[in-house]
Amino acid sequence: MFADGEDLVKLDSGKYFIDRDGDYFKYILEYLRNPGEEYVNYNAESTNKVLKEALFFGLKGLENNIRESLPVLT
């Protein structure tokens, strides 16, 4: 994500502003804190939105985990 500089806004403070949905970012943080745990959410709409965030952040492990769980949800 940072390697290609794709649409990143760097603030004067040196921090980066990432304009993503905060409701689903908690799942990204949970994955980063506990990468070996399986993503579980029984709401297909939420799961698809978390998948979108995983794709944006380039989290292949989370993406694969979600894709494996999707057939169970439908």
PDB file of N, CA and C in Angstrom:
ATOM      1  N   MET A   1       0.824  -1.189   0.000  1.00  0.00           N
ATOM      2  CA  MET A   1       0.000   0.000   0.000  1.00  0.00           C
ATOM      3  C   MET A   1       0.870   1.255   0.000  1.00  0.00           C
ATOM      4  N   PHE A   2       1.907   1.279   0.807  1.00  0.00           N
ATOM      5  CA  PHE A   2       2.773   2.448   0.864  1.00  0.00           C
ATOM      6  C   PHE A   2       3.839   2.418  -0.222  1.00  0.00           C
ATOM      7  N   ALA A   3       4.136   1.237  -0.734  1.00  0.00           N
ATOM      8  CA  ALA A   3       5.195   1.105  -1.730  1.00  0.00           C
ATOM      9  C   ALA A   3       4.869   1.847  -3.021  1.00  0.00           C
ATOM     10  N   ASP A   4       3.618   1.775  -3.458  1.00  0.00           N
ATOM     11  CA  ASP A   4       3.275   2.422  -4.726  1.00  0.00           C
ATOM     12  C   ASP A   4       2.726   3.835  -4.528  1.00  0.00           C
ATOM     13  N   GLY A   5       2.487   4.249  -3.261  1.00  0.00           N
ATOM     14  CA  GLY A   5       2.010   5.605  -2.983  1.00  0.00           C
ATOM     15  C   GLY A   5       0.626   5.889  -3.523  1.00  0.00           C
ATOM     16  N   GLU A   6      -0.139   4.851  -3.743  1.00  0.00           N
ATOM     17  CA  GLU A   6      -1.453   4.966  -4.367  1.00  0.00           C
ATOM     18  C   GLU A   6      -2.419   5.805  -3.531  1.00  0.00           C
ATOM     19  N   ASP A   7      -2.727   7.000  -4.007  1.00  0.00           N
ATOM     20  CA  ASP A   7      -3.740   7.866  -3.415  1.00  0.00           C
ATOM     21  C   ASP A   7      -3.582   8.091  -1.916  1.00  0.00           C
ATOM     22  N   LEU A   8      -2.351   8.171  -1.436  1.00  0.00           N
ATOM     23  CA  LEU A   8      -2.138   8.417  -0.021  1.00  0.00           C
ATOM     24  C   LEU A   8      -1.929   9.902   0.219  1.00  0.00           C
ATOM     25  N   VAL A   9      -2.534  10.397   1.281  1.00  0.00           N
ATOM     26  CA  VAL A   9      -2.398  11.803   1.645  1.00  0.00           C
ATOM     27  C   VAL A   9      -1.539  11.872   2.895  1.00  0.00           C
ATOM     28  N   LYS A  10      -0.374  12.501   2.773  1.00  0.00           N
ATOM     29  CA  LYS A  10       0.507  12.662   3.919  1.00  0.00           C
ATOM     30  C   LYS A  10       0.258  14.034   4.525  1.00  0.00           C
ATOM     31  N   LEU A  11      -0.059  14.055   5.805  1.00  0.00           N
ATOM     32  CA  LEU A  11      -0.336  15.290   6.517  1.00  0.00           C
ATOM     33  C   LEU A  11       0.966  15.982   6.899  1.00  0.00           C
ATOM     34  N   ASP A  12       0.877  17.258   7.246  1.00  0.00           N
ATOM     35  CA  ASP A  12       2.060  18.008   7.657  1.00  0.00           C
ATOM     36  C   ASP A  12       2.753  17.369   8.856  1.00  0.00           C
ATOM     37  N   SER A  13       1.991  16.674   9.674  1.00  0.00           N
ATOM     38  CA  SER A  13       2.544  16.019  10.859  1.00  0.00           C
ATOM     39  C   SER A  13       3.375  14.786  10.499  1.00  0.00           C
ATOM     40  N   GLY A  14       3.316  14.367   9.236  1.00  0.00           N
ATOM     41  CA  GLY A  14       4.031  13.180   8.798  1.00  0.00           C
ATOM     42  C   GLY A  14       3.170  11.926   8.827  1.00  0.00           C
ATOM     43  N   LYS A  15       1.956  12.040   9.347  1.00  0.00           N
ATOM     44  CA  LYS A  15       1.037  10.916   9.392  1.00  0.00           C
ATOM     45  C   LYS A  15       0.295  10.820   8.063  1.00  0.00           C
ATOM     46  N   TYR A  16      -0.217   9.634   7.789  1.00  0.00           N
ATOM     47  CA  TYR A  16      -0.988   9.419   6.563  1.00  0.00           C
ATOM     48  C   TYR A  16      -2.472   9.397   6.889  1.00  0.00           C
ATOM     49  N   PHE A  17      -3.252  10.016   6.023  1.00  0.00           N
ATOM     50  CA  PHE A  17      -4.702  10.002   6.143  1.00  0.00           C
ATOM     51  C   PHE A  17      -5.230   8.947   5.181  1.00  0.00           C
ATOM     52  N   ILE A  18      -5.942   7.981   5.738  1.00  0.00           N
ATOM     53  CA  ILE A  18      -6.515   6.910   4.929  1.00  0.00           C
ATOM     54  C   ILE A  18      -8.027   6.997   5.088  1.00  0.00           C
ATOM     55  N   ASP A  19      -8.711   7.352   4.029  1.00  0.00           N
ATOM     56  CA  ASP A  19     -10.149   7.579   4.075  1.00  0.00           C
ATOM     57  C   ASP A  19     -10.893   6.275   3.789  1.00  0.00           C
ATOM     58  N   ARG A  20     -11.120   5.506   4.862  1.00  0.00           N
ATOM     59  CA  ARG A  20     -11.822   4.231   4.751  1.00  0.00           C
ATOM     60  C   ARG A  20     -12.923   4.187   5.802  1.00  0.00           C
ATOM     61  N   ASP A  21     -13.812   3.225   5.684  1.00  0.00           N
ATOM     62  CA  ASP A  21     -14.940   3.090   6.595  1.00  0.00           C
ATOM     63  C   ASP A  21     -14.468   2.599   7.961  1.00  0.00           C
ATOM     64  N   GLY A  22     -14.612   3.435   8.978  1.00  0.00           N
ATOM     65  CA  GLY A  22     -14.174   3.104  10.326  1.00  0.00           C
ATOM     66  C   GLY A  22     -14.933   1.956  10.950  1.00  0.00           C
ATOM     67  N   ASP A  23     -16.176   1.725  10.510  1.00  0.00           N
ATOM     68  CA  ASP A  23     -16.972   0.632  11.069  1.00  0.00           C
ATOM     69  C   ASP A  23     -16.328  -0.724  10.795  1.00  0.00           C
ATOM     70  N   TYR A  24     -15.601  -0.843   9.717  1.00  0.00           N
ATOM     71  CA  TYR A  24     -15.018  -2.127   9.337  1.00  0.00           C
ATOM     72  C   TYR A  24     -13.523  -2.187   9.612  1.00  0.00           C
ATOM     73  N   PHE A  25     -12.922  -1.053   9.953  1.00  0.00           N
ATOM     74  CA  PHE A  25     -11.490  -1.034  10.242  1.00  0.00           C
ATOM     75  C   PHE A  25     -11.169  -1.837  11.491  1.00  0.00           C
ATOM     76  N   LYS A  26     -12.140  -1.950  12.406  1.00  0.00           N
ATOM     77  CA  LYS A  26     -11.895  -2.734  13.622  1.00  0.00           C
ATOM     78  C   LYS A  26     -11.565  -4.188  13.277  1.00  0.00           C
ATOM     79  N   TYR A  27     -12.140  -4.690  12.194  1.00  0.00           N
ATOM     80  CA  TYR A  27     -11.847  -6.061  11.778  1.00  0.00           C
ATOM     81  C   TYR A  27     -10.426  -6.168  11.209  1.00  0.00           C
ATOM     82  N   ILE A  28      -9.986  -5.123  10.551  1.00  0.00           N
ATOM     83  CA  ILE A  28      -8.611  -5.080  10.041  1.00  0.00           C
ATOM     84  C   ILE A  28      -7.642  -5.090  11.213  1.00  0.00           C
ATOM     85  N   LEU A  29      -7.899  -4.253  12.212  1.00  0.00           N
ATOM     86  CA  LEU A  29      -7.035  -4.208  13.393  1.00  0.00           C
ATOM     87  C   LEU A  29      -7.021  -5.550  14.117  1.00  0.00           C
ATOM     88  N   GLU A  30      -8.184  -6.160  14.259  1.00  0.00           N
ATOM     89  CA  GLU A  30      -8.267  -7.456  14.930  1.00  0.00           C
ATOM     90  C   GLU A  30      -7.434  -8.496  14.187  1.00  0.00           C
ATOM     91  N   TYR A  31      -7.498  -8.476  12.869  1.00  0.00           N
ATOM     92  CA  TYR A  31      -6.702  -9.407  12.071  1.00  0.00           C
ATOM     93  C   TYR A  31      -5.211  -9.143  12.271  1.00  0.00           C
ATOM     94  N   LEU A  32      -4.808  -7.887  12.259  1.00  0.00           N
ATOM     95  CA  LEU A  32      -3.395  -7.552  12.420  1.00  0.00           C
ATOM     96  C   LEU A  32      -2.894  -7.906  13.816  1.00  0.00           C
ATOM     97  N   ARG A  33      -3.743  -7.788  14.797  1.00  0.00           N
ATOM     98  CA  ARG A  33      -3.359  -8.142  16.172  1.00  0.00           C
ATOM     99  C   ARG A  33      -3.307  -9.649  16.375  1.00  0.00           C
ATOM    100  N   ASN A  34      -4.154 -10.377  15.672  1.00  0.00           N
ATOM    101  CA  ASN A  34      -4.272 -11.827  15.845  1.00  0.00           C
ATOM    102  C   ASN A  34      -4.345 -12.516  14.491  1.00  0.00           C
ATOM    103  N   PRO A  35      -3.249 -12.507  13.732  1.00  0.00           N
ATOM    104  CA  PRO A  35      -3.300 -12.987  12.346  1.00  0.00           C
ATOM    105  C   PRO A  35      -3.638 -14.460  12.183  1.00  0.00           C
ATOM    106  N   GLY A  36      -3.476 -15.271  13.197  1.00  0.00           N
ATOM    107  CA  GLY A  36      -3.771 -16.686  13.054  1.00  0.00           C
ATOM    108  C   GLY A  36      -5.225 -17.036  13.296  1.00  0.00           C
ATOM    109  N   GLU A  37      -5.998 -16.077  13.814  1.00  0.00           N
ATOM    110  CA  GLU A  37      -7.393 -16.359  14.125  1.00  0.00           C
ATOM    111  C   GLU A  37      -8.260 -16.241  12.880  1.00  0.00           C
ATOM    112  N   GLU A  38      -9.263 -17.078  12.822  1.00  0.00           N
ATOM    113  CA  GLU A  38     -10.184 -17.083  11.688  1.00  0.00           C
ATOM    114  C   GLU A  38     -11.178 -15.929  11.803  1.00  0.00           C
ATOM    115  N   TYR A  39     -11.445 -15.272  10.687  1.00  0.00           N
ATOM    116  CA  TYR A  39     -12.454 -14.214  10.654  1.00  0.00           C
ATOM    117  C   TYR A  39     -13.823 -14.864  10.688  1.00  0.00           C
ATOM    118  N   VAL A  40     -14.640 -14.468  11.648  1.00  0.00           N
ATOM    119  CA  VAL A  40     -15.990 -15.023  11.753  1.00  0.00           C
ATOM    120  C   VAL A  40     -16.983 -13.875  11.860  1.00  0.00           C
ATOM    121  N   ASN A  41     -17.920 -13.844  10.920  1.00  0.00           N
ATOM    122  CA  ASN A  41     -19.010 -12.879  10.953  1.00  0.00           C
ATOM    123  C   ASN A  41     -20.141 -13.518  10.163  1.00  0.00           C
ATOM    124  N   TYR A  42     -21.291 -13.629  10.776  1.00  0.00           N
ATOM    125  CA  TYR A  42     -22.379 -14.344  10.133  1.00  0.00           C
ATOM    126  C   TYR A  42     -23.297 -13.431   9.329  1.00  0.00           C
ATOM    127  N   ASN A  43     -22.875 -12.219   9.114  1.00  0.00           N
ATOM    128  CA  ASN A  43     -23.637 -11.261   8.326  1.00  0.00           C
ATOM    129  C   ASN A  43     -22.935 -11.109   6.981  1.00  0.00           C
ATOM    130  N   ALA A  44     -23.555 -11.577   5.903  1.00  0.00           N
ATOM    131  CA  ALA A  44     -22.917 -11.568   4.579  1.00  0.00           C
ATOM    132  C   ALA A  44     -22.582 -10.162   4.110  1.00  0.00           C
ATOM    133  N   GLU A  45     -23.437  -9.186   4.389  1.00  0.00           N
ATOM    134  CA  GLU A  45     -23.178  -7.812   3.959  1.00  0.00           C
ATOM    135  C   GLU A  45     -21.920  -7.266   4.626  1.00  0.00           C
ATOM    136  N   SER A  46     -21.813  -7.447   5.932  1.00  0.00           N
ATOM    137  CA  SER A  46     -20.624  -6.986   6.647  1.00  0.00           C
ATOM    138  C   SER A  46     -19.376  -7.705   6.168  1.00  0.00           C
ATOM    139  N   THR A  47     -19.502  -8.997   5.956  1.00  0.00           N
ATOM    140  CA  THR A  47     -18.362  -9.784   5.501  1.00  0.00           C
ATOM    141  C   THR A  47     -17.865  -9.279   4.156  1.00  0.00           C
ATOM    142  N   ASN A  48     -18.755  -8.965   3.249  1.00  0.00           N
ATOM    143  CA  ASN A  48     -18.349  -8.431   1.942  1.00  0.00           C
ATOM    144  C   ASN A  48     -17.659  -7.084   2.086  1.00  0.00           C
ATOM    145  N   LYS A  49     -18.098  -6.280   3.039  1.00  0.00           N
ATOM    146  CA  LYS A  49     -17.460  -4.974   3.251  1.00  0.00           C
ATOM    147  C   LYS A  49     -16.079  -5.132   3.868  1.00  0.00           C
ATOM    148  N   VAL A  50     -15.925  -6.088   4.779  1.00  0.00           N
ATOM    149  CA  VAL A  50     -14.604  -6.356   5.351  1.00  0.00           C
ATOM    150  C   VAL A  50     -13.682  -6.908   4.266  1.00  0.00           C
ATOM    151  N   LEU A  51     -14.208  -7.735   3.381  1.00  0.00           N
ATOM    152  CA  LEU A  51     -13.420  -8.239   2.255  1.00  0.00           C
ATOM    153  C   LEU A  51     -12.922  -7.078   1.405  1.00  0.00           C
ATOM    154  N   LYS A  52     -13.767  -6.104   1.142  1.00  0.00           N
ATOM    155  CA  LYS A  52     -13.372  -4.925   0.369  1.00  0.00           C
ATOM    156  C   LYS A  52     -12.220  -4.193   1.058  1.00  0.00           C
ATOM    157  N   GLU A  53     -12.282  -4.083   2.381  1.00  0.00           N
ATOM    158  CA  GLU A  53     -11.212  -3.424   3.134  1.00  0.00           C
ATOM    159  C   GLU A  53      -9.929  -4.258   3.081  1.00  0.00           C
ATOM    160  N   ALA A  54     -10.059  -5.580   3.197  1.00  0.00           N
ATOM    161  CA  ALA A  54      -8.883  -6.450   3.119  1.00  0.00           C
ATOM    162  C   ALA A  54      -8.193  -6.299   1.770  1.00  0.00           C
ATOM    163  N   LEU A  55      -8.983  -6.196   0.710  1.00  0.00           N
ATOM    164  CA  LEU A  55      -8.413  -5.988  -0.627  1.00  0.00           C
ATOM    165  C   LEU A  55      -7.699  -4.645  -0.701  1.00  0.00           C
ATOM    166  N   PHE A  56      -8.305  -3.603  -0.150  1.00  0.00           N
ATOM    167  CA  PHE A  56      -7.688  -2.274  -0.181  1.00  0.00           C
ATOM    168  C   PHE A  56      -6.342  -2.276   0.540  1.00  0.00           C
ATOM    169  N   PHE A  57      -6.299  -2.899   1.710  1.00  0.00           N
ATOM    170  CA  PHE A  57      -5.082  -2.889   2.515  1.00  0.00           C
ATOM    171  C   PHE A  57      -4.089  -3.974   2.101  1.00  0.00           C
ATOM    172  N   GLY A  58      -4.449  -4.802   1.136  1.00  0.00           N
ATOM    173  CA  GLY A  58      -3.538  -5.832   0.641  1.00  0.00           C
ATOM    174  C   GLY A  58      -3.290  -6.949   1.638  1.00  0.00           C
ATOM    175  N   LEU A  59      -4.307  -7.293   2.419  1.00  0.00           N
ATOM    176  CA  LEU A  59      -4.178  -8.342   3.429  1.00  0.00           C
ATOM    177  C   LEU A  59      -4.656  -9.675   2.858  1.00  0.00           C
ATOM    178  N   LYS A  60      -3.746 -10.346   2.171  1.00  0.00           N
ATOM    179  CA  LYS A  60      -4.080 -11.589   1.476  1.00  0.00           C
ATOM    180  C   LYS A  60      -4.574 -12.675   2.425  1.00  0.00           C
ATOM    181  N   GLY A  61      -3.979 -12.767   3.612  1.00  0.00           N
ATOM    182  CA  GLY A  61      -4.406 -13.786   4.567  1.00  0.00           C
ATOM    183  C   GLY A  61      -5.850 -13.587   4.982  1.00  0.00           C
ATOM    184  N   LEU A  62      -6.225 -12.363   5.288  1.00  0.00           N
ATOM    185  CA  LEU A  62      -7.601 -12.058   5.664  1.00  0.00           C
ATOM    186  C   LEU A  62      -8.527 -12.260   4.471  1.00  0.00           C
ATOM    187  N   GLU A  63      -8.086 -11.835   3.307  1.00  0.00           N
ATOM    188  CA  GLU A  63      -8.886 -12.021   2.091  1.00  0.00           C
ATOM    189  C   GLU A  63      -9.195 -13.504   1.876  1.00  0.00           C
ATOM    190  N   ASN A  64      -8.167 -14.340   1.962  1.00  0.00           N
ATOM    191  CA  ASN A  64      -8.361 -15.782   1.758  1.00  0.00           C
ATOM    192  C   ASN A  64      -9.280 -16.373   2.815  1.00  0.00           C
ATOM    193  N   ASN A  65      -9.089 -15.943   4.057  1.00  0.00           N
ATOM    194  CA  ASN A  65      -9.914 -16.423   5.157  1.00  0.00           C
ATOM    195  C   ASN A  65     -11.385 -16.102   4.906  1.00  0.00           C
ATOM    196  N   ILE A  66     -11.661 -14.880   4.476  1.00  0.00           N
ATOM    197  CA  ILE A  66     -13.039 -14.456   4.214  1.00  0.00           C
ATOM    198  C   ILE A  66     -13.612 -15.217   3.026  1.00  0.00           C
ATOM    199  N   ARG A  67     -12.831 -15.315   1.962  1.00  0.00           N
ATOM    200  CA  ARG A  67     -13.333 -16.027   0.769  1.00  0.00           C
ATOM    201  C   ARG A  67     -13.678 -17.479   1.088  1.00  0.00           C
ATOM    202  N   GLU A  68     -12.914 -18.095   1.983  1.00  0.00           N
ATOM    203  CA  GLU A  68     -13.214 -19.474   2.380  1.00  0.00           C
ATOM    204  C   GLU A  68     -14.506 -19.564   3.155  1.00  0.00           C
ATOM    205  N   SER A  69     -14.867 -18.492   3.872  1.00  0.00           N
ATOM    206  CA  SER A  69     -16.080 -18.519   4.693  1.00  0.00           C
ATOM    207  C   SER A  69     -17.329 -18.086   3.923  1.00  0.00           C
ATOM    208  N   LEU A  70     -17.176 -17.413   2.796  1.00  0.00           N
ATOM    209  CA  LEU A  70     -18.324 -16.895   2.062  1.00  0.00           C
ATOM    210  C   LEU A  70     -19.324 -17.955   1.607  1.00  0.00           C
ATOM    211  N   PRO A  71     -18.886 -19.103   1.084  1.00  0.00           N
ATOM    212  CA  PRO A  71     -19.889 -20.091   0.658  1.00  0.00           C
ATOM    213  C   PRO A  71     -20.808 -20.551   1.798  1.00  0.00           C
ATOM    214  N   VAL A  72     -20.302 -20.531   3.020  1.00  0.00           N
ATOM    215  CA  VAL A  72     -21.084 -20.939   4.175  1.00  0.00           C
ATOM    216  C   VAL A  72     -22.185 -19.907   4.453  1.00  0.00           C
ATOM    217  N   LEU A  73     -21.921 -18.649   4.100  1.00  0.00           N
ATOM    218  CA  LEU A  73     -22.859 -17.578   4.408  1.00  0.00           C
ATOM    219  C   LEU A  73     -24.003 -17.487   3.410  1.00  0.00           C
ATOM    220  N   THR A  74     -23.813 -17.990   2.208  1.00  0.00           N
ATOM    221  CA  THR A  74     -24.824 -17.810   1.174  1.00  0.00           C
ATOM    222  C   THR A  74     -25.777 -18.979   1.097  1.00  0.00           C
TER     223      THR A  74
END
